[in-house]
Amino acid sequence: MSARASESALLVALAGLPGSGKSAAAPARDQWRALAARTGARLRFVEVVCPDPALHRARLEGRRRDLPGFPEPTWADVVRLEGEVAPWTDPRLELDSRRPLDDLVAVVLADLAAPPHEEPPGP
């Protein structure tokens, strides 16, 4: 296998929380699917969720990315965008952001190491 082929053997699309700017919109997901098809790569969507609205809001309001040209999203933006997120039709690995980061990394690595036909490991 060439270096280029091995580099494109796996694509992981992160689909974050509403308002995160990740692959929540159907056109963004379509771009990931097209890239995987063009390269022959295995595509795996990973969605990180925070099911505790109070914690989600506190995290959002407490972060400062300081990215020029990219204003910080507000809680009102998140609430508004929740209704705009396209429903999932692809299999995905869903991660609960309340878990320790090391645990989440281990789950993702185990999922990526599993053969494509297997279901992802549980949360």
C-alpha atoms as a PDB file:
ATOM      1  CA  MET A   1       0.000   0.000   0.000  1.00  0.00           C
ATOM      2  CA  SER A   2       1.384   3.413  -0.911  1.00  0.00           C
ATOM      3  CA  ALA A   3       1.940   6.098   1.708  1.00  0.00           C
ATOM      4  CA  ARG A   4      -0.869   8.144   0.156  1.00  0.00           C
ATOM      5  CA  ALA A   5      -3.289   5.205   0.255  1.00  0.00           C
ATOM      6  CA  SER A   6      -2.456   4.408   3.865  1.00  0.00           C
ATOM      7  CA  GLU A   7      -2.929   8.064   4.848  1.00  0.00           C
ATOM      8  CA  SER A   8      -6.436   8.046   3.398  1.00  0.00           C
ATOM      9  CA  ALA A   9      -7.470   4.648   4.742  1.00  0.00           C
ATOM     10  CA  LEU A  10      -9.662   6.197   7.399  1.00  0.00           C
ATOM     11  CA  LEU A  11     -11.532   9.474   7.705  1.00  0.00           C
ATOM     12  CA  VAL A  12     -13.114  10.577  10.938  1.00  0.00           C
ATOM     13  CA  ALA A  13     -15.677  13.359  10.791  1.00  0.00           C
ATOM     14  CA  LEU A  14     -16.326  15.056  14.093  1.00  0.00           C
ATOM     15  CA  ALA A  15     -19.913  16.087  14.495  1.00  0.00           C
ATOM     16  CA  GLY A  16     -20.001  18.274  17.543  1.00  0.00           C
ATOM     17  CA  LEU A  17     -22.700  19.946  19.505  1.00  0.00           C
ATOM     18  CA  PRO A  18     -25.073  22.380  17.848  1.00  0.00           C
ATOM     19  CA  GLY A  19     -23.240  25.641  17.483  1.00  0.00           C
ATOM     20  CA  SER A  20     -19.824  24.008  17.368  1.00  0.00           C
ATOM     21  CA  GLY A  21     -19.398  24.533  13.644  1.00  0.00           C
ATOM     22  CA  LYS A  22     -18.643  20.873  13.012  1.00  0.00           C
ATOM     23  CA  SER A  23     -20.481  18.519  10.632  1.00  0.00           C
ATOM     24  CA  ALA A  24     -24.001  19.117  11.898  1.00  0.00           C
ATOM     25  CA  ALA A  25     -25.390  20.219   8.511  1.00  0.00           C
ATOM     26  CA  ALA A  26     -26.278  17.696   5.819  1.00  0.00           C
ATOM     27  CA  PRO A  27     -24.086  19.427   3.166  1.00  0.00           C
ATOM     28  CA  ALA A  28     -21.035  19.131   5.441  1.00  0.00           C
ATOM     29  CA  ARG A  29     -21.715  15.435   5.940  1.00  0.00           C
ATOM     30  CA  ASP A  30     -22.140  15.040   2.180  1.00  0.00           C
ATOM     31  CA  GLN A  31     -18.663  16.518   1.683  1.00  0.00           C
ATOM     32  CA  TRP A  32     -17.184  13.944   4.080  1.00  0.00           C
ATOM     33  CA  ARG A  33     -19.018  11.124   2.268  1.00  0.00           C
ATOM     34  CA  ALA A  34     -17.769  12.369  -1.118  1.00  0.00           C
ATOM     35  CA  LEU A  35     -14.184  12.606   0.136  1.00  0.00           C
ATOM     36  CA  ALA A  36     -14.352   9.062   1.498  1.00  0.00           C
ATOM     37  CA  ALA A  37     -15.781   7.800  -1.796  1.00  0.00           C
ATOM     38  CA  ARG A  38     -13.077   9.579  -3.847  1.00  0.00           C
ATOM     39  CA  THR A  39     -10.244   8.242  -1.707  1.00  0.00           C
ATOM     40  CA  GLY A  40     -11.670   4.814  -0.922  1.00  0.00           C
ATOM     41  CA  ALA A  41     -11.394   5.621   2.760  1.00  0.00           C
ATOM     42  CA  ARG A  42     -13.521   4.229   5.539  1.00  0.00           C
ATOM     43  CA  LEU A  43     -15.625   7.034   7.005  1.00  0.00           C
ATOM     44  CA  ARG A  44     -16.562   7.149  10.659  1.00  0.00           C
ATOM     45  CA  PHE A  45     -18.674   9.915  12.174  1.00  0.00           C
ATOM     46  CA  VAL A  46     -18.062  10.764  15.827  1.00  0.00           C
ATOM     47  CA  GLU A  47     -20.616  12.922  17.619  1.00  0.00           C
ATOM     48  CA  VAL A  48     -19.747  14.493  20.952  1.00  0.00           C
ATOM     49  CA  VAL A  49     -22.786  15.406  23.015  1.00  0.00           C
ATOM     50  CA  CYS A  50     -23.401  16.943  26.398  1.00  0.00           C
ATOM     51  CA  PRO A  51     -26.802  15.681  27.562  1.00  0.00           C
ATOM     52  CA  ASP A  52     -26.792  18.014  30.578  1.00  0.00           C
ATOM     53  CA  PRO A  53     -28.078  21.400  29.296  1.00  0.00           C
ATOM     54  CA  ALA A  54     -26.849  23.308  32.382  1.00  0.00           C
ATOM     55  CA  LEU A  55     -23.327  21.897  32.031  1.00  0.00           C
ATOM     56  CA  HIS A  56     -23.371  22.480  28.276  1.00  0.00           C
ATOM     57  CA  ARG A  57     -24.351  26.103  28.798  1.00  0.00           C
ATOM     58  CA  ALA A  58     -21.735  26.638  31.526  1.00  0.00           C
ATOM     59  CA  ARG A  59     -19.008  25.191  29.320  1.00  0.00           C
ATOM     60  CA  LEU A  60     -20.089  27.299  26.363  1.00  0.00           C
ATOM     61  CA  GLU A  61     -20.261  30.510  28.369  1.00  0.00           C
ATOM     62  CA  GLY A  62     -16.923  29.793  30.075  1.00  0.00           C
ATOM     63  CA  ARG A  63     -14.816  29.146  27.010  1.00  0.00           C
ATOM     64  CA  ARG A  64     -12.823  31.726  25.104  1.00  0.00           C
ATOM     65  CA  ARG A  65     -11.300  30.610  21.819  1.00  0.00           C
ATOM     66  CA  ASP A  66     -10.031  34.057  20.774  1.00  0.00           C
ATOM     67  CA  LEU A  67     -10.225  33.213  17.068  1.00  0.00           C
ATOM     68  CA  PRO A  68     -10.115  36.390  14.963  1.00  0.00           C
ATOM     69  CA  GLY A  69     -13.213  36.648  12.785  1.00  0.00           C
ATOM     70  CA  PHE A  70     -15.088  33.939  14.688  1.00  0.00           C
ATOM     71  CA  PRO A  71     -17.323  35.290  17.439  1.00  0.00           C
ATOM     72  CA  GLU A  72     -18.060  33.073  20.403  1.00  0.00           C
ATOM     73  CA  PRO A  73     -21.462  31.387  20.049  1.00  0.00           C
ATOM     74  CA  THR A  74     -24.044  32.336  22.647  1.00  0.00           C
ATOM     75  CA  TRP A  75     -26.458  30.000  24.385  1.00  0.00           C
ATOM     76  CA  ALA A  76     -29.226  31.544  22.258  1.00  0.00           C
ATOM     77  CA  ASP A  77     -27.221  30.525  19.149  1.00  0.00           C
ATOM     78  CA  VAL A  78     -27.013  26.941  20.407  1.00  0.00           C
ATOM     79  CA  VAL A  79     -30.733  26.770  21.156  1.00  0.00           C
ATOM     80  CA  ARG A  80     -31.559  28.216  17.722  1.00  0.00           C
ATOM     81  CA  LEU A  81     -29.171  25.854  15.924  1.00  0.00           C
ATOM     82  CA  GLU A  82     -30.494  22.755  17.686  1.00  0.00           C
ATOM     83  CA  GLY A  83     -33.553  22.944  15.455  1.00  0.00           C
ATOM     84  CA  GLU A  84     -31.408  23.299  12.341  1.00  0.00           C
ATOM     85  CA  VAL A  85     -29.226  20.221  12.816  1.00  0.00           C
ATOM     86  CA  ALA A  86     -29.944  17.642  10.141  1.00  0.00           C
ATOM     87  CA  PRO A  87     -31.140  14.291  11.494  1.00  0.00           C
ATOM     88  CA  TRP A  88     -28.517  11.560  11.409  1.00  0.00           C
ATOM     89  CA  THR A  89     -28.857   8.840   8.790  1.00  0.00           C
ATOM     90  CA  ASP A  90     -25.312   7.490   9.081  1.00  0.00           C
ATOM     91  CA  PRO A  91     -24.037   5.208  11.796  1.00  0.00           C
ATOM     92  CA  ARG A  92     -21.990   7.215  14.278  1.00  0.00           C
ATOM     93  CA  LEU A  93     -20.111   6.852  17.486  1.00  0.00           C
ATOM     94  CA  GLU A  94     -21.814   9.039  20.085  1.00  0.00           C
ATOM     95  CA  LEU A  95     -19.686  10.229  23.001  1.00  0.00           C
ATOM     96  CA  ASP A  96     -20.900  11.802  26.228  1.00  0.00           C
ATOM     97  CA  SER A  97     -18.653  14.788  26.959  1.00  0.00           C
ATOM     98  CA  ARG A  98     -19.258  14.412  30.713  1.00  0.00           C
ATOM     99  CA  ARG A  99     -16.908  11.425  30.696  1.00  0.00           C
ATOM    100  CA  PRO A 100     -13.167  11.907  31.292  1.00  0.00           C
ATOM    101  CA  LEU A 101     -11.210  12.785  28.175  1.00  0.00           C
ATOM    102  CA  ASP A 102      -8.940   9.747  28.535  1.00  0.00           C
ATOM    103  CA  ASP A 103     -12.011   7.466  28.513  1.00  0.00           C
ATOM    104  CA  LEU A 104     -13.382   9.147  25.382  1.00  0.00           C
ATOM    105  CA  VAL A 105     -10.045   8.835  23.572  1.00  0.00           C
ATOM    106  CA  ALA A 106      -9.903   5.129  24.464  1.00  0.00           C
ATOM    107  CA  VAL A 107     -13.425   4.564  23.095  1.00  0.00           C
ATOM    108  CA  VAL A 108     -12.585   6.349  19.826  1.00  0.00           C
ATOM    109  CA  LEU A 109      -9.317   4.437  19.395  1.00  0.00           C
ATOM    110  CA  ALA A 110     -11.080   1.119  20.052  1.00  0.00           C
ATOM    111  CA  ASP A 111     -13.760   2.032  17.526  1.00  0.00           C
ATOM    112  CA  LEU A 112     -11.200   2.973  14.894  1.00  0.00           C
ATOM    113  CA  ALA A 113      -9.298  -0.276  15.444  1.00  0.00           C
ATOM    114  CA  ALA A 114     -12.439  -2.409  15.049  1.00  0.00           C
ATOM    115  CA  PRO A 115     -13.226  -3.964  11.673  1.00  0.00           C
ATOM    116  CA  PRO A 116     -15.716  -1.849   9.678  1.00  0.00           C
ATOM    117  CA  HIS A 117     -18.560  -4.355  10.033  1.00  0.00           C
ATOM    118  CA  GLU A 118     -18.560  -4.314  13.839  1.00  0.00           C
ATOM    119  CA  GLU A 119     -20.783  -2.061  15.880  1.00  0.00           C
ATOM    120  CA  PRO A 120     -18.947   0.646  17.825  1.00  0.00           C
ATOM    121  CA  PRO A 121     -18.124  -0.069  21.460  1.00  0.00           C
ATOM    122  CA  GLY A 122     -20.666   1.069  24.003  1.00  0.00           C
ATOM    123  CA  PRO A 123     -20.369   4.422  25.788  1.00  0.00           C
END
